[in-house]
């Protein structure tokens, strides 16, 4: 299973970014997917997750600002991030679990104040 993340970058506070994660490999199309992030000096934390049926969960810190979605035909998961804050600055990782955790390579999001 491989996960290829893209879409990070530098944005001003209040701006928006959309992250994408394309998955490939056996079983990946029917697995739940998630986005995690890790800020400097902090532990990796769950940002949002989505099941194959579209059930979503969010960290309290991003509720109302971030939206996770998936296109099953493309085996791709997205994270739309609006009203970004400097504290959202982190490396964002996509994740899926098929017997074990698989991780994308990470994409850096930097939000300037």
C-alpha atoms as a PDB file:
ATOM      1  CA  UNK A   1       0.000   0.000   0.000  1.00  0.00           C
ATOM      2  CA  UNK A   2       1.272   3.452  -0.929  1.00  0.00           C
ATOM      3  CA  UNK A   3      -0.034   6.864   0.018  1.00  0.00           C
ATOM      4  CA  UNK A   4       1.040   9.966  -1.901  1.00  0.00           C
ATOM      5  CA  UNK A   5       0.183  13.271  -0.230  1.00  0.00           C
ATOM      6  CA  UNK A   6       0.281  16.692  -1.839  1.00  0.00           C
ATOM      7  CA  UNK A   7      -1.078  20.205  -1.474  1.00  0.00           C
ATOM      8  CA  UNK A   8       0.846  21.720   1.409  1.00  0.00           C
ATOM      9  CA  UNK A   9       2.406  25.143   1.309  1.00  0.00           C
ATOM     10  CA  UNK A  10       2.642  28.565   2.890  1.00  0.00           C
ATOM     11  CA  UNK A  11      -0.539  30.518   3.547  1.00  0.00           C
ATOM     12  CA  UNK A  12      -1.516  33.523   5.617  1.00  0.00           C
ATOM     13  CA  UNK A  13      -3.762  33.192   8.629  1.00  0.00           C
ATOM     14  CA  UNK A  14      -7.389  33.040   7.532  1.00  0.00           C
ATOM     15  CA  UNK A  15      -6.489  31.428   4.231  1.00  0.00           C
ATOM     16  CA  UNK A  16      -7.290  28.011   2.808  1.00  0.00           C
ATOM     17  CA  UNK A  17      -5.471  24.966   1.488  1.00  0.00           C
ATOM     18  CA  UNK A  18      -6.586  21.606   0.178  1.00  0.00           C
ATOM     19  CA  UNK A  19      -4.523  18.510   0.777  1.00  0.00           C
ATOM     20  CA  UNK A  20      -4.847  15.395  -1.358  1.00  0.00           C
ATOM     21  CA  UNK A  21      -3.732  11.845  -0.720  1.00  0.00           C
ATOM     22  CA  UNK A  22      -3.814   9.260  -3.468  1.00  0.00           C
ATOM     23  CA  UNK A  23      -3.787   5.660  -2.291  1.00  0.00           C
ATOM     24  CA  UNK A  24      -2.799   2.529  -4.167  1.00  0.00           C
ATOM     25  CA  UNK A  25      -2.353  -1.102  -3.344  1.00  0.00           C
ATOM     26  CA  UNK A  26      -4.438  -4.066  -2.343  1.00  0.00           C
ATOM     27  CA  UNK A  27      -7.264  -3.223   0.032  1.00  0.00           C
ATOM     28  CA  UNK A  28      -6.625   0.504   0.071  1.00  0.00           C
ATOM     29  CA  UNK A  29      -9.767   1.467  -1.803  1.00  0.00           C
ATOM     30  CA  UNK A  30     -12.096   0.048   0.843  1.00  0.00           C
ATOM     31  CA  UNK A  31     -10.221   1.149   3.947  1.00  0.00           C
ATOM     32  CA  UNK A  32     -10.905   4.068   6.221  1.00  0.00           C
ATOM     33  CA  UNK A  33      -8.510   6.960   5.776  1.00  0.00           C
ATOM     34  CA  UNK A  34      -7.288   9.699   8.058  1.00  0.00           C
ATOM     35  CA  UNK A  35      -5.173  12.807   8.252  1.00  0.00           C
ATOM     36  CA  UNK A  36      -2.743  13.332  11.111  1.00  0.00           C
ATOM     37  CA  UNK A  37      -0.408  16.220  11.795  1.00  0.00           C
ATOM     38  CA  UNK A  38       2.754  16.763  13.757  1.00  0.00           C
ATOM     39  CA  UNK A  39       3.920  20.190  14.815  1.00  0.00           C
ATOM     40  CA  UNK A  40       7.535  20.826  15.867  1.00  0.00           C
ATOM     41  CA  UNK A  41       8.179  19.433  19.328  1.00  0.00           C
ATOM     42  CA  UNK A  42       4.740  17.864  19.580  1.00  0.00           C
ATOM     43  CA  UNK A  43       3.288  14.406  19.180  1.00  0.00           C
ATOM     44  CA  UNK A  44       1.478  13.363  16.043  1.00  0.00           C
ATOM     45  CA  UNK A  45      -2.260  13.906  16.441  1.00  0.00           C
ATOM     46  CA  UNK A  46      -5.363  12.823  14.580  1.00  0.00           C
ATOM     47  CA  UNK A  47      -6.954  15.646  12.594  1.00  0.00           C
ATOM     48  CA  UNK A  48      -9.808  13.902  10.784  1.00  0.00           C
ATOM     49  CA  UNK A  49     -10.894  10.491   9.574  1.00  0.00           C
ATOM     50  CA  UNK A  50     -13.417   9.102   7.119  1.00  0.00           C
ATOM     51  CA  UNK A  51     -14.824   5.628   6.597  1.00  0.00           C
ATOM     52  CA  UNK A  52     -15.631   3.991   3.276  1.00  0.00           C
ATOM     53  CA  UNK A  53     -19.246   4.958   3.864  1.00  0.00           C
ATOM     54  CA  UNK A  54     -18.401   8.585   4.483  1.00  0.00           C
ATOM     55  CA  UNK A  55     -18.669   8.744   8.277  1.00  0.00           C
ATOM     56  CA  UNK A  56     -16.338  11.478   9.489  1.00  0.00           C
ATOM     57  CA  UNK A  57     -14.661  12.442  12.743  1.00  0.00           C
ATOM     58  CA  UNK A  58     -12.691  15.565  13.592  1.00  0.00           C
ATOM     59  CA  UNK A  59     -10.376  16.828  16.281  1.00  0.00           C
ATOM     60  CA  UNK A  60     -12.075  19.519  18.340  1.00  0.00           C
ATOM     61  CA  UNK A  61      -9.440  22.026  17.262  1.00  0.00           C
ATOM     62  CA  UNK A  62     -10.448  21.820  13.586  1.00  0.00           C
ATOM     63  CA  UNK A  63     -14.212  21.272  13.760  1.00  0.00           C
ATOM     64  CA  UNK A  64     -16.054  23.764  11.600  1.00  0.00           C
ATOM     65  CA  UNK A  65     -12.880  24.735   9.710  1.00  0.00           C
ATOM     66  CA  UNK A  66     -11.617  21.511   8.113  1.00  0.00           C
ATOM     67  CA  UNK A  67     -13.520  19.047   5.944  1.00  0.00           C
ATOM     68  CA  UNK A  68     -12.355  15.550   5.056  1.00  0.00           C
ATOM     69  CA  UNK A  69     -13.778  13.874   1.981  1.00  0.00           C
ATOM     70  CA  UNK A  70     -12.962  11.011  -0.340  1.00  0.00           C
ATOM     71  CA  UNK A  71     -13.417  10.116  -3.977  1.00  0.00           C
ATOM     72  CA  UNK A  72     -13.681   6.350  -4.023  1.00  0.00           C
ATOM     73  CA  UNK A  73     -13.432   6.219  -7.812  1.00  0.00           C
ATOM     74  CA  UNK A  74      -9.981   7.837  -7.572  1.00  0.00           C
ATOM     75  CA  UNK A  75      -9.025   6.189  -4.273  1.00  0.00           C
ATOM     76  CA  UNK A  76      -8.138   9.656  -3.017  1.00  0.00           C
ATOM     77  CA  UNK A  77      -8.865  11.435   0.239  1.00  0.00           C
ATOM     78  CA  UNK A  78      -8.904  15.202   0.646  1.00  0.00           C
ATOM     79  CA  UNK A  79      -8.596  17.639   3.508  1.00  0.00           C
ATOM     80  CA  UNK A  80     -10.071  21.067   2.863  1.00  0.00           C
ATOM     81  CA  UNK A  81      -8.650  23.493   5.411  1.00  0.00           C
ATOM     82  CA  UNK A  82     -10.306  26.883   5.818  1.00  0.00           C
ATOM     83  CA  UNK A  83      -9.776  29.730   8.283  1.00  0.00           C
ATOM     84  CA  UNK A  84      -6.260  28.502   8.901  1.00  0.00           C
ATOM     85  CA  UNK A  85      -4.467  29.580  12.064  1.00  0.00           C
ATOM     86  CA  UNK A  86      -0.750  29.719  12.881  1.00  0.00           C
ATOM     87  CA  UNK A  87      -1.290  26.814  15.291  1.00  0.00           C
ATOM     88  CA  UNK A  88      -2.296  24.660  12.303  1.00  0.00           C
ATOM     89  CA  UNK A  89       1.330  24.777  11.143  1.00  0.00           C
ATOM     90  CA  UNK A  90       2.564  21.188  10.973  1.00  0.00           C
ATOM     91  CA  UNK A  91       3.546  18.344   8.713  1.00  0.00           C
ATOM     92  CA  UNK A  92       0.336  16.623   7.641  1.00  0.00           C
ATOM     93  CA  UNK A  93       0.291  12.866   7.032  1.00  0.00           C
ATOM     94  CA  UNK A  94      -2.357  10.720   5.444  1.00  0.00           C
ATOM     95  CA  UNK A  95      -2.936   7.327   6.972  1.00  0.00           C
ATOM     96  CA  UNK A  96      -4.781   4.117   6.408  1.00  0.00           C
ATOM     97  CA  UNK A  97      -4.856   0.911   8.406  1.00  0.00           C
ATOM     98  CA  UNK A  98      -5.013  -2.412   6.617  1.00  0.00           C
ATOM     99  CA  UNK A  99      -3.704  -4.854   9.155  1.00  0.00           C
ATOM    100  CA  UNK A 100      -1.162  -2.222  10.120  1.00  0.00           C
ATOM    101  CA  UNK A 101      -0.710   1.506   9.752  1.00  0.00           C
ATOM    102  CA  UNK A 102       0.472   2.897   6.441  1.00  0.00           C
ATOM    103  CA  UNK A 103       1.654   6.513   6.165  1.00  0.00           C
ATOM    104  CA  UNK A 104       2.150   8.976   3.371  1.00  0.00           C
ATOM    105  CA  UNK A 105       5.371  10.959   3.158  1.00  0.00           C
ATOM    106  CA  UNK A 106       3.951  14.076   4.816  1.00  0.00           C
ATOM    107  CA  UNK A 107       3.285  17.516   3.418  1.00  0.00           C
ATOM    108  CA  UNK A 108       4.240  20.715   5.216  1.00  0.00           C
ATOM    109  CA  UNK A 109       1.603  23.337   5.960  1.00  0.00           C
ATOM    110  CA  UNK A 110       2.870  26.664   7.222  1.00  0.00           C
ATOM    111  CA  UNK A 111       0.427  29.343   8.357  1.00  0.00           C
ATOM    112  CA  UNK A 112       1.890  32.801   8.877  1.00  0.00           C
ATOM    113  CA  UNK A 113       0.353  35.339  11.220  1.00  0.00           C
END
